[in-house]
């Protein structure tokens, strides 16, 4: 049995209109991370990553840079108490 965790991550900066969600999905799919990513009305991006601890850490590290056009100012992460058991990684609208 794997040691899966879930992190909810909020990314601020110039992260909308720069393919942040699409690139997050691409990276999550490549790494095998489940969950979702979505834009928030305040201009930030929210993502929930679920998977083994090392892979979720890699995803969170990726968020600190993001796609080439992004300017990430801050990444805040909080650990969830329970897993959601996502089946895929999706972009939410």
C-alpha atoms as a PDB file:
ATOM      1  CA  UNK A   1       0.000   0.000   0.000  1.00  0.00           C
ATOM      2  CA  UNK A   2       1.283   3.456  -0.907  1.00  0.00           C
ATOM      3  CA  UNK A   3       1.509   6.375   1.469  1.00  0.00           C
ATOM      4  CA  UNK A   4      -0.735   8.852  -0.364  1.00  0.00           C
ATOM      5  CA  UNK A   5      -1.257  12.428   0.751  1.00  0.00           C
ATOM      6  CA  UNK A   6      -3.375  15.351  -0.411  1.00  0.00           C
ATOM      7  CA  UNK A   7      -2.269  18.983  -0.572  1.00  0.00           C
ATOM      8  CA  UNK A   8      -4.404  22.007  -1.392  1.00  0.00           C
ATOM      9  CA  UNK A   9      -2.191  24.619  -3.013  1.00  0.00           C
ATOM     10  CA  UNK A  10      -2.942  28.281  -3.753  1.00  0.00           C
ATOM     11  CA  UNK A  11      -0.670  30.030  -6.240  1.00  0.00           C
ATOM     12  CA  UNK A  12      -0.578  33.823  -6.513  1.00  0.00           C
ATOM     13  CA  UNK A  13       1.086  36.150  -8.981  1.00  0.00           C
ATOM     14  CA  UNK A  14       0.619  36.353 -12.749  1.00  0.00           C
ATOM     15  CA  UNK A  15      -0.874  32.880 -12.994  1.00  0.00           C
ATOM     16  CA  UNK A  16      -4.032  33.378 -15.050  1.00  0.00           C
ATOM     17  CA  UNK A  17      -3.944  33.791 -18.814  1.00  0.00           C
ATOM     18  CA  UNK A  18      -0.513  32.133 -19.027  1.00  0.00           C
ATOM     19  CA  UNK A  19      -1.578  28.471 -19.513  1.00  0.00           C
ATOM     20  CA  UNK A  20      -0.976  27.725 -15.839  1.00  0.00           C
ATOM     21  CA  UNK A  21      -3.922  25.303 -15.575  1.00  0.00           C
ATOM     22  CA  UNK A  22      -3.092  23.486 -18.815  1.00  0.00           C
ATOM     23  CA  UNK A  23       0.566  23.077 -17.895  1.00  0.00           C
ATOM     24  CA  UNK A  24      -0.359  21.977 -14.371  1.00  0.00           C
ATOM     25  CA  UNK A  25      -2.591  19.268 -15.830  1.00  0.00           C
ATOM     26  CA  UNK A  26       0.125  18.180 -18.249  1.00  0.00           C
ATOM     27  CA  UNK A  27       2.679  17.922 -15.428  1.00  0.00           C
ATOM     28  CA  UNK A  28       0.260  16.151 -13.072  1.00  0.00           C
ATOM     29  CA  UNK A  29      -0.659  13.619 -15.780  1.00  0.00           C
ATOM     30  CA  UNK A  30       3.033  12.991 -16.504  1.00  0.00           C
ATOM     31  CA  UNK A  31       3.779  12.424 -12.805  1.00  0.00           C
ATOM     32  CA  UNK A  32       0.616  10.411 -12.112  1.00  0.00           C
ATOM     33  CA  UNK A  33      -0.837  12.907  -9.633  1.00  0.00           C
ATOM     34  CA  UNK A  34      -4.641  13.067  -9.239  1.00  0.00           C
ATOM     35  CA  UNK A  35      -6.840  16.042  -8.291  1.00  0.00           C
ATOM     36  CA  UNK A  36      -7.749  19.312  -9.981  1.00  0.00           C
ATOM     37  CA  UNK A  37      -6.690  22.857 -10.812  1.00  0.00           C
ATOM     38  CA  UNK A  38      -8.903  25.921 -11.210  1.00  0.00           C
ATOM     39  CA  UNK A  39      -8.772  29.709 -11.461  1.00  0.00           C
ATOM     40  CA  UNK A  40     -10.119  31.686  -8.520  1.00  0.00           C
ATOM     41  CA  UNK A  41     -11.997  34.976  -8.837  1.00  0.00           C
ATOM     42  CA  UNK A  42      -9.214  36.863  -7.017  1.00  0.00           C
ATOM     43  CA  UNK A  43      -6.705  36.101  -9.811  1.00  0.00           C
ATOM     44  CA  UNK A  44      -4.970  33.194  -8.087  1.00  0.00           C
ATOM     45  CA  UNK A  45      -4.992  29.504  -8.971  1.00  0.00           C
ATOM     46  CA  UNK A  46      -6.067  26.672  -6.663  1.00  0.00           C
ATOM     47  CA  UNK A  47      -4.902  23.108  -7.084  1.00  0.00           C
ATOM     48  CA  UNK A  48      -5.434  19.932  -5.125  1.00  0.00           C
ATOM     49  CA  UNK A  49      -2.782  17.268  -5.576  1.00  0.00           C
ATOM     50  CA  UNK A  50      -3.227  13.707  -4.407  1.00  0.00           C
ATOM     51  CA  UNK A  51      -0.681  10.925  -4.697  1.00  0.00           C
ATOM     52  CA  UNK A  52       2.433   9.585  -3.047  1.00  0.00           C
ATOM     53  CA  UNK A  53       4.258  12.135  -0.900  1.00  0.00           C
ATOM     54  CA  UNK A  54       7.337  12.460  -3.148  1.00  0.00           C
ATOM     55  CA  UNK A  55       5.293  13.012  -6.322  1.00  0.00           C
ATOM     56  CA  UNK A  56       3.021  15.554  -4.623  1.00  0.00           C
ATOM     57  CA  UNK A  57       6.170  17.361  -3.436  1.00  0.00           C
ATOM     58  CA  UNK A  58       7.467  17.414  -7.030  1.00  0.00           C
ATOM     59  CA  UNK A  59       4.151  18.916  -8.182  1.00  0.00           C
ATOM     60  CA  UNK A  60       4.287  21.590  -5.486  1.00  0.00           C
ATOM     61  CA  UNK A  61       7.884  22.411  -6.426  1.00  0.00           C
ATOM     62  CA  UNK A  62       6.792  22.746 -10.069  1.00  0.00           C
ATOM     63  CA  UNK A  63       4.082  25.228  -8.995  1.00  0.00           C
ATOM     64  CA  UNK A  64       6.739  27.573  -7.618  1.00  0.00           C
ATOM     65  CA  UNK A  65       7.912  28.180 -11.197  1.00  0.00           C
ATOM     66  CA  UNK A  66       4.918  27.248 -13.360  1.00  0.00           C
ATOM     67  CA  UNK A  67       4.868  27.699 -17.141  1.00  0.00           C
ATOM     68  CA  UNK A  68       7.300  30.075 -18.846  1.00  0.00           C
ATOM     69  CA  UNK A  69       4.924  33.088 -18.970  1.00  0.00           C
ATOM     70  CA  UNK A  70       3.906  32.836 -15.296  1.00  0.00           C
ATOM     71  CA  UNK A  71       5.294  35.042 -12.551  1.00  0.00           C
ATOM     72  CA  UNK A  72       4.677  33.132  -9.322  1.00  0.00           C
ATOM     73  CA  UNK A  73       4.763  35.300  -6.213  1.00  0.00           C
ATOM     74  CA  UNK A  74       3.668  32.802  -3.578  1.00  0.00           C
ATOM     75  CA  UNK A  75       2.656  29.162  -3.148  1.00  0.00           C
ATOM     76  CA  UNK A  76       0.718  28.229  -0.026  1.00  0.00           C
ATOM     77  CA  UNK A  77       0.051  24.572   0.728  1.00  0.00           C
ATOM     78  CA  UNK A  78      -2.131  22.921   3.339  1.00  0.00           C
ATOM     79  CA  UNK A  79      -2.356  19.220   4.034  1.00  0.00           C
ATOM     80  CA  UNK A  80      -5.809  17.646   3.958  1.00  0.00           C
ATOM     81  CA  UNK A  81      -6.963  15.422   6.794  1.00  0.00           C
ATOM     82  CA  UNK A  82      -8.524  12.879   4.432  1.00  0.00           C
ATOM     83  CA  UNK A  83      -8.042  11.722   0.849  1.00  0.00           C
ATOM     84  CA  UNK A  84     -10.648  12.391  -1.815  1.00  0.00           C
ATOM     85  CA  UNK A  85      -9.537   9.421  -3.950  1.00  0.00           C
ATOM     86  CA  UNK A  86      -9.605  11.326  -7.225  1.00  0.00           C
ATOM     87  CA  UNK A  87      -9.560   9.109 -10.316  1.00  0.00           C
ATOM     88  CA  UNK A  88      -7.886  11.630 -12.661  1.00  0.00           C
ATOM     89  CA  UNK A  89      -6.446  15.129 -12.741  1.00  0.00           C
ATOM     90  CA  UNK A  90      -8.820  17.674 -14.224  1.00  0.00           C
ATOM     91  CA  UNK A  91      -9.122  21.339 -15.016  1.00  0.00           C
ATOM     92  CA  UNK A  92     -12.165  22.789 -13.270  1.00  0.00           C
ATOM     93  CA  UNK A  93     -14.012  25.833 -14.550  1.00  0.00           C
END
